[in-house]
């Protein structure tokens, strides 16, 4: 995931099942 969460990229086998996100206020990526 990029800085603001606008860019996300996935391995083919997890697309549609996994979601990456980030909360910059909490310094955390999920």
ModelCIF file with pLDDT and N, C-alpha, C, O atoms, coordinates in Angstrom:
data_MODEL
#
_entry.id   MODEL 
#
_entity.id                         1 
_entity.type                       polymer 
_entity.pdbx_number_of_molecules   1 
#
_entity_poly.entity_id                      1 
_entity_poly.type                           'polypeptide(L)' 
_entity_poly.nstd_linkage                   no 
_entity_poly.nstd_monomer                   no 
_entity_poly.pdbx_seq_one_letter_code       
;(UNK)(UNK)(UNK)(UNK)(UNK)(UNK)(UNK)(UNK)(UNK)(UNK)(UNK)(UNK)(UNK)(UNK)(UNK)(UNK)
(UNK)(UNK)(UNK)(UNK)(UNK)(UNK)(UNK)(UNK)(UNK)(UNK)(UNK)(UNK)(UNK)(UNK)
;
_entity_poly.pdbx_seq_one_letter_code_can   XXXXXXXXXXXXXXXXXXXXXXXXXXXXXX 
_entity_poly.pdbx_strand_id                 A 
#
loop_
_entity_poly_seq.entity_id 
_entity_poly_seq.num 
_entity_poly_seq.mon_id 
_entity_poly_seq.hetero 
1 1  UNK n 
1 2  UNK n 
1 3  UNK n 
1 4  UNK n 
1 5  UNK n 
1 6  UNK n 
1 7  UNK n 
1 8  UNK n 
1 9  UNK n 
1 10 UNK n 
1 11 UNK n 
1 12 UNK n 
1 13 UNK n 
1 14 UNK n 
1 15 UNK n 
1 16 UNK n 
1 17 UNK n 
1 18 UNK n 
1 19 UNK n 
1 20 UNK n 
1 21 UNK n 
1 22 UNK n 
1 23 UNK n 
1 24 UNK n 
1 25 UNK n 
1 26 UNK n 
1 27 UNK n 
1 28 UNK n 
1 29 UNK n 
1 30 UNK n 
#
_struct_asym.id          A 
_struct_asym.entity_id   1 
#
loop_
_ma_qa_metric.id 
_ma_qa_metric.mode 
_ma_qa_metric.name 
_ma_qa_metric.software_group_id 
_ma_qa_metric.type 
1 global pLDDT . pLDDT 
2 local  pLDDT . pLDDT 
#
_ma_qa_metric_global.metric_id      1 
_ma_qa_metric_global.metric_value   95.60 
_ma_qa_metric_global.model_id       1 
_ma_qa_metric_global.ordinal_id     1 
#
loop_
_ma_qa_metric_local.label_asym_id 
_ma_qa_metric_local.label_comp_id 
_ma_qa_metric_local.label_seq_id 
_ma_qa_metric_local.metric_id 
_ma_qa_metric_local.metric_value 
_ma_qa_metric_local.model_id 
_ma_qa_metric_local.ordinal_id 
A UNK 1  2 97.00 1 1  
A UNK 2  2 94.00 1 2  
A UNK 3  2 93.00 1 3  
A UNK 4  2 88.00 1 4  
A UNK 5  2 84.00 1 5  
A UNK 6  2 85.00 1 6  
A UNK 7  2 91.00 1 7  
A UNK 8  2 96.00 1 8  
A UNK 9  2 97.00 1 9  
A UNK 10 2 97.00 1 10 
A UNK 11 2 97.00 1 11 
A UNK 12 2 97.00 1 12 
A UNK 13 2 97.00 1 13 
A UNK 14 2 98.00 1 14 
A UNK 15 2 97.00 1 15 
A UNK 16 2 97.00 1 16 
A UNK 17 2 98.00 1 17 
A UNK 18 2 98.00 1 18 
A UNK 19 2 98.00 1 19 
A UNK 20 2 98.00 1 20 
A UNK 21 2 98.00 1 21 
A UNK 22 2 97.00 1 22 
A UNK 23 2 97.00 1 23 
A UNK 24 2 96.00 1 24 
A UNK 25 2 96.00 1 25 
A UNK 26 2 97.00 1 26 
A UNK 27 2 97.00 1 27 
A UNK 28 2 97.00 1 28 
A UNK 29 2 98.00 1 29 
A UNK 30 2 98.00 1 30 
#
loop_
_atom_site.group_PDB 
_atom_site.id 
_atom_site.type_symbol 
_atom_site.label_atom_id 
_atom_site.label_alt_id 
_atom_site.label_comp_id 
_atom_site.label_asym_id 
_atom_site.label_entity_id 
_atom_site.label_seq_id 
_atom_site.pdbx_PDB_ins_code 
_atom_site.Cartn_x 
_atom_site.Cartn_y 
_atom_site.Cartn_z 
_atom_site.occupancy 
_atom_site.B_iso_or_equiv 
_atom_site.pdbx_formal_charge 
_atom_site.auth_seq_id 
_atom_site.auth_comp_id 
_atom_site.auth_asym_id 
_atom_site.auth_atom_id 
_atom_site.pdbx_PDB_model_num 
ATOM 1   N N  . UNK A 1 1  ? 0.845   -1.194  0.000  1.00 97.00 ? 1  UNK A N  1 
ATOM 2   C CA . UNK A 1 1  ? 0.000   0.000   0.000  1.00 97.00 ? 1  UNK A CA 1 
ATOM 3   C C  . UNK A 1 1  ? 0.878   1.240   0.000  1.00 97.00 ? 1  UNK A C  1 
ATOM 4   O O  . UNK A 1 1  ? 1.916   1.280   0.660  1.00 97.00 ? 1  UNK A O  1 
ATOM 5   N N  . UNK A 1 2  ? 0.449   2.261   -0.753 1.00 94.00 ? 2  UNK A N  1 
ATOM 6   C CA . UNK A 1 2  ? 1.160   3.514   -0.796 1.00 94.00 ? 2  UNK A CA 1 
ATOM 7   C C  . UNK A 1 2  ? 0.865   4.382   0.413  1.00 94.00 ? 2  UNK A C  1 
ATOM 8   O O  . UNK A 1 2  ? 0.323   3.913   1.413  1.00 94.00 ? 2  UNK A O  1 
ATOM 9   N N  . UNK A 1 3  ? 1.229   5.654   0.309  1.00 93.00 ? 3  UNK A N  1 
ATOM 10  C CA . UNK A 1 3  ? 1.220   6.522   1.487  1.00 93.00 ? 3  UNK A CA 1 
ATOM 11  C C  . UNK A 1 3  ? -0.172  6.790   2.055  1.00 93.00 ? 3  UNK A C  1 
ATOM 12  O O  . UNK A 1 3  ? -0.369  6.755   3.270  1.00 93.00 ? 3  UNK A O  1 
ATOM 13  N N  . UNK A 1 4  ? -1.124  7.054   1.184  1.00 88.00 ? 4  UNK A N  1 
ATOM 14  C CA . UNK A 1 4  ? -2.449  7.440   1.662  1.00 88.00 ? 4  UNK A CA 1 
ATOM 15  C C  . UNK A 1 4  ? -3.461  6.314   1.552  1.00 88.00 ? 4  UNK A C  1 
ATOM 16  O O  . UNK A 1 4  ? -4.607  6.458   1.976  1.00 88.00 ? 4  UNK A O  1 
ATOM 17  N N  . UNK A 1 5  ? -3.040  5.200   0.986  1.00 84.00 ? 5  UNK A N  1 
ATOM 18  C CA . UNK A 1 5  ? -3.953  4.081   0.799  1.00 84.00 ? 5  UNK A CA 1 
ATOM 19  C C  . UNK A 1 5  ? -4.607  4.061   -0.567 1.00 84.00 ? 5  UNK A C  1 
ATOM 20  O O  . UNK A 1 5  ? -5.360  3.140   -0.883 1.00 84.00 ? 5  UNK A O  1 
ATOM 21  N N  . UNK A 1 6  ? -4.322  5.084   -1.393 1.00 85.00 ? 6  UNK A N  1 
ATOM 22  C CA . UNK A 1 6  ? -4.925  5.110   -2.714 1.00 85.00 ? 6  UNK A CA 1 
ATOM 23  C C  . UNK A 1 6  ? -4.356  4.067   -3.653 1.00 85.00 ? 6  UNK A C  1 
ATOM 24  O O  . UNK A 1 6  ? -5.043  3.604   -4.563 1.00 85.00 ? 6  UNK A O  1 
ATOM 25  N N  . UNK A 1 7  ? -3.092  3.691   -3.434 1.00 91.00 ? 7  UNK A N  1 
ATOM 26  C CA . UNK A 1 7  ? -2.469  2.649   -4.256 1.00 91.00 ? 7  UNK A CA 1 
ATOM 27  C C  . UNK A 1 7  ? -2.389  1.370   -3.432 1.00 91.00 ? 7  UNK A C  1 
ATOM 28  O O  . UNK A 1 7  ? -1.792  1.355   -2.355 1.00 91.00 ? 7  UNK A O  1 
ATOM 29  N N  . UNK A 1 8  ? -2.989  0.300   -3.938 1.00 96.00 ? 8  UNK A N  1 
ATOM 30  C CA . UNK A 1 8  ? -2.870  -0.999  -3.291 1.00 96.00 ? 8  UNK A CA 1 
ATOM 31  C C  . UNK A 1 8  ? -2.535  -2.045  -4.343 1.00 96.00 ? 8  UNK A C  1 
ATOM 32  O O  . UNK A 1 8  ? -2.958  -1.950  -5.496 1.00 96.00 ? 8  UNK A O  1 
ATOM 33  N N  . UNK A 1 9  ? -1.766  -3.044  -3.924 1.00 97.00 ? 9  UNK A N  1 
ATOM 34  C CA . UNK A 1 9  ? -1.301  -4.080  -4.835 1.00 97.00 ? 9  UNK A CA 1 
ATOM 35  C C  . UNK A 1 9  ? -1.422  -5.419  -4.118 1.00 97.00 ? 9  UNK A C  1 
ATOM 36  O O  . UNK A 1 9  ? -1.237  -5.505  -2.904 1.00 97.00 ? 9  UNK A O  1 
ATOM 37  N N  . UNK A 1 10 ? -1.737  -6.472  -4.893 1.00 97.00 ? 10 UNK A N  1 
ATOM 38  C CA . UNK A 1 10 ? -1.959  -7.785  -4.286 1.00 97.00 ? 10 UNK A CA 1 
ATOM 39  C C  . UNK A 1 10 ? -1.325  -8.887  -5.124 1.00 97.00 ? 10 UNK A C  1 
ATOM 40  O O  . UNK A 1 10 ? -1.237  -8.799  -6.349 1.00 97.00 ? 10 UNK A O  1 
ATOM 41  N N  . UNK A 1 11 ? -0.887  -9.924  -4.422 1.00 97.00 ? 11 UNK A N  1 
ATOM 42  C CA . UNK A 1 11 ? -0.488  -11.152 -5.074 1.00 97.00 ? 11 UNK A CA 1 
ATOM 43  C C  . UNK A 1 11 ? -1.747  -11.773 -5.688 1.00 97.00 ? 11 UNK A C  1 
ATOM 44  O O  . UNK A 1 11 ? -2.828  -11.712 -5.101 1.00 97.00 ? 11 UNK A O  1 
ATOM 45  N N  . UNK A 1 12 ? -1.599  -12.360 -6.850 1.00 97.00 ? 12 UNK A N  1 
ATOM 46  C CA . UNK A 1 12 ? -2.773  -12.855 -7.565 1.00 97.00 ? 12 UNK A CA 1 
ATOM 47  C C  . UNK A 1 12 ? -3.625  -13.807 -6.726 1.00 97.00 ? 12 UNK A C  1 
ATOM 48  O O  . UNK A 1 12 ? -4.853  -13.753 -6.789 1.00 97.00 ? 12 UNK A O  1 
ATOM 49  N N  . UNK A 1 13 ? -2.993  -14.668 -5.953 1.00 97.00 ? 13 UNK A N  1 
ATOM 50  C CA . UNK A 1 13 ? -3.748  -15.708 -5.240 1.00 97.00 ? 13 UNK A CA 1 
ATOM 51  C C  . UNK A 1 13 ? -4.568  -15.163 -4.074 1.00 97.00 ? 13 UNK A C  1 
ATOM 52  O O  . UNK A 1 13 ? -5.404  -15.878 -3.521 1.00 97.00 ? 13 UNK A O  1 
ATOM 53  N N  . UNK A 1 14 ? -4.337  -13.897 -3.690 1.00 98.00 ? 14 UNK A N  1 
ATOM 54  C CA . UNK A 1 14 ? -5.106  -13.338 -2.572 1.00 98.00 ? 14 UNK A CA 1 
ATOM 55  C C  . UNK A 1 14 ? -6.082  -12.256 -3.022 1.00 98.00 ? 14 UNK A C  1 
ATOM 56  O O  . UNK A 1 14 ? -6.863  -11.753 -2.214 1.00 98.00 ? 14 UNK A O  1 
ATOM 57  N N  . UNK A 1 15 ? -6.046  -11.897 -4.285 1.00 97.00 ? 15 UNK A N  1 
ATOM 58  C CA . UNK A 1 15 ? -6.961  -10.864 -4.784 1.00 97.00 ? 15 UNK A CA 1 
ATOM 59  C C  . UNK A 1 15 ? -8.404  -11.284 -4.563 1.00 97.00 ? 15 UNK A C  1 
ATOM 60  O O  . UNK A 1 15 ? -8.786  -12.421 -4.840 1.00 97.00 ? 15 UNK A O  1 
ATOM 61  N N  . UNK A 1 16 ? -9.200  -10.347 -4.058 1.00 97.00 ? 16 UNK A N  1 
ATOM 62  C CA . UNK A 1 16 ? -10.599 -10.642 -3.785 1.00 97.00 ? 16 UNK A CA 1 
ATOM 63  C C  . UNK A 1 16 ? -10.843 -11.265 -2.426 1.00 97.00 ? 16 UNK A C  1 
ATOM 64  O O  . UNK A 1 16 ? -11.986 -11.348 -1.977 1.00 97.00 ? 16 UNK A O  1 
ATOM 65  N N  . UNK A 1 17 ? -9.777  -11.706 -1.761 1.00 98.00 ? 17 UNK A N  1 
ATOM 66  C CA . UNK A 1 17 ? -9.916  -12.316 -0.431 1.00 98.00 ? 17 UNK A CA 1 
ATOM 67  C C  . UNK A 1 17 ? -9.253  -11.469 0.659  1.00 98.00 ? 17 UNK A C  1 
ATOM 68  O O  . UNK A 1 17 ? -9.750  -11.384 1.782  1.00 98.00 ? 17 UNK A O  1 
ATOM 69  N N  . UNK A 1 18 ? -8.133  -10.850 0.315  1.00 98.00 ? 18 UNK A N  1 
ATOM 70  C CA . UNK A 1 18 ? -7.381  -10.043 1.285  1.00 98.00 ? 18 UNK A CA 1 
ATOM 71  C C  . UNK A 1 18 ? -7.537  -8.559  0.948  1.00 98.00 ? 18 UNK A C  1 
ATOM 72  O O  . UNK A 1 18 ? -7.681  -8.183  -0.216 1.00 98.00 ? 18 UNK A O  1 
ATOM 73  N N  . UNK A 1 19 ? -7.504  -7.726  1.990  1.00 98.00 ? 19 UNK A N  1 
ATOM 74  C CA . UNK A 1 19 ? -7.546  -6.281  1.803  1.00 98.00 ? 19 UNK A CA 1 
ATOM 75  C C  . UNK A 1 19 ? -6.508  -5.629  2.701  1.00 98.00 ? 19 UNK A C  1 
ATOM 76  O O  . UNK A 1 19 ? -6.498  -5.843  3.913  1.00 98.00 ? 19 UNK A O  1 
ATOM 77  N N  . UNK A 1 20 ? -5.641  -4.836  2.102  1.00 98.00 ? 20 UNK A N  1 
ATOM 78  C CA . UNK A 1 20 ? -4.664  -4.073  2.867  1.00 98.00 ? 20 UNK A CA 1 
ATOM 79  C C  . UNK A 1 20 ? -5.188  -2.651  3.044  1.00 98.00 ? 20 UNK A C  1 
ATOM 80  O O  . UNK A 1 20 ? -5.781  -2.077  2.131  1.00 98.00 ? 20 UNK A O  1 
ATOM 81  N N  . UNK A 1 21 ? -4.962  -2.094  4.226  1.00 98.00 ? 21 UNK A N  1 
ATOM 82  C CA . UNK A 1 21 ? -5.385  -0.719  4.491  1.00 98.00 ? 21 UNK A CA 1 
ATOM 83  C C  . UNK A 1 21 ? -4.431  -0.131  5.526  1.00 98.00 ? 21 UNK A C  1 
ATOM 84  O O  . UNK A 1 21 ? -3.645  -0.851  6.143  1.00 98.00 ? 21 UNK A O  1 
ATOM 85  N N  . UNK A 1 22 ? -4.507  1.167   5.705  1.00 97.00 ? 22 UNK A N  1 
ATOM 86  C CA . UNK A 1 22 ? -3.653  1.823   6.686  1.00 97.00 ? 22 UNK A CA 1 
ATOM 87  C C  . UNK A 1 22 ? -4.415  2.946   7.359  1.00 97.00 ? 22 UNK A C  1 
ATOM 88  O O  . UNK A 1 22 ? -5.303  3.557   6.765  1.00 97.00 ? 22 UNK A O  1 
ATOM 89  N N  . UNK A 1 23 ? -4.053  3.212   8.614  1.00 97.00 ? 23 UNK A N  1 
ATOM 90  C CA . UNK A 1 23 ? -4.596  4.326   9.376  1.00 97.00 ? 23 UNK A CA 1 
ATOM 91  C C  . UNK A 1 23 ? -3.396  5.155   9.820  1.00 97.00 ? 23 UNK A C  1 
ATOM 92  O O  . UNK A 1 23 ? -2.724  4.812   10.793 1.00 97.00 ? 23 UNK A O  1 
ATOM 93  N N  . UNK A 1 24 ? -3.134  6.224   9.119  1.00 96.00 ? 24 UNK A N  1 
ATOM 94  C CA . UNK A 1 24 ? -1.945  7.031   9.412  1.00 96.00 ? 24 UNK A CA 1 
ATOM 95  C C  . UNK A 1 24 ? -2.046  7.726   10.772 1.00 96.00 ? 24 UNK A C  1 
ATOM 96  O O  . UNK A 1 24 ? -1.023  8.034   11.383 1.00 96.00 ? 24 UNK A O  1 
ATOM 97  N N  . UNK A 1 25 ? -3.255  7.972   11.244 1.00 96.00 ? 25 UNK A N  1 
ATOM 98  C CA . UNK A 1 25 ? -3.419  8.581   12.571 1.00 96.00 ? 25 UNK A CA 1 
ATOM 99  C C  . UNK A 1 25 ? -3.009  7.616   13.682 1.00 96.00 ? 25 UNK A C  1 
ATOM 100 O O  . UNK A 1 25 ? -2.609  8.043   14.765 1.00 96.00 ? 25 UNK A O  1 
ATOM 101 N N  . UNK A 1 26 ? -3.111  6.320   13.411 1.00 97.00 ? 26 UNK A N  1 
ATOM 102 C CA . UNK A 1 26 ? -2.748  5.301   14.389 1.00 97.00 ? 26 UNK A CA 1 
ATOM 103 C C  . UNK A 1 26 ? -1.421  4.627   14.079 1.00 97.00 ? 26 UNK A C  1 
ATOM 104 O O  . UNK A 1 26 ? -1.005  3.714   14.793 1.00 97.00 ? 26 UNK A O  1 
ATOM 105 N N  . UNK A 1 27 ? -0.753  5.070   13.018 1.00 97.00 ? 27 UNK A N  1 
ATOM 106 C CA . UNK A 1 27 ? 0.545   4.482   12.629 1.00 97.00 ? 27 UNK A CA 1 
ATOM 107 C C  . UNK A 1 27 ? 0.431   2.969   12.464 1.00 97.00 ? 27 UNK A C  1 
ATOM 108 O O  . UNK A 1 27 ? 1.295   2.221   12.924 1.00 97.00 ? 27 UNK A O  1 
ATOM 109 N N  . UNK A 1 28 ? -0.619  2.532   11.818 1.00 97.00 ? 28 UNK A N  1 
ATOM 110 C CA . UNK A 1 28 ? -0.899  1.107   11.722 1.00 97.00 ? 28 UNK A CA 1 
ATOM 111 C C  . UNK A 1 28 ? -1.345  0.741   10.311 1.00 97.00 ? 28 UNK A C  1 
ATOM 112 O O  . UNK A 1 28 ? -2.095  1.471   9.662  1.00 97.00 ? 28 UNK A O  1 
ATOM 113 N N  . UNK A 1 29 ? -0.862  -0.408  9.860  1.00 98.00 ? 29 UNK A N  1 
ATOM 114 C CA . UNK A 1 29 ? -1.326  -0.982  8.600  1.00 98.00 ? 29 UNK A CA 1 
ATOM 115 C C  . UNK A 1 29 ? -2.002  -2.310  8.928  1.00 98.00 ? 29 UNK A C  1 
ATOM 116 O O  . UNK A 1 29 ? -1.591  -3.022  9.844  1.00 98.00 ? 29 UNK A O  1 
ATOM 117 N N  . UNK A 1 30 ? -3.038  -2.627  8.170  1.00 98.00 ? 30 UNK A N  1 
ATOM 118 C CA . UNK A 1 30 ? -3.838  -3.818  8.432  1.00 98.00 ? 30 UNK A CA 1 
ATOM 119 C C  . UNK A 1 30 ? -3.849  -4.748  7.219  1.00 98.00 ? 30 UNK A C  1 
ATOM 120 O O  . UNK A 1 30 ? -4.475  -5.807  7.259  1.00 98.00 ? 30 UNK A O  1 
#
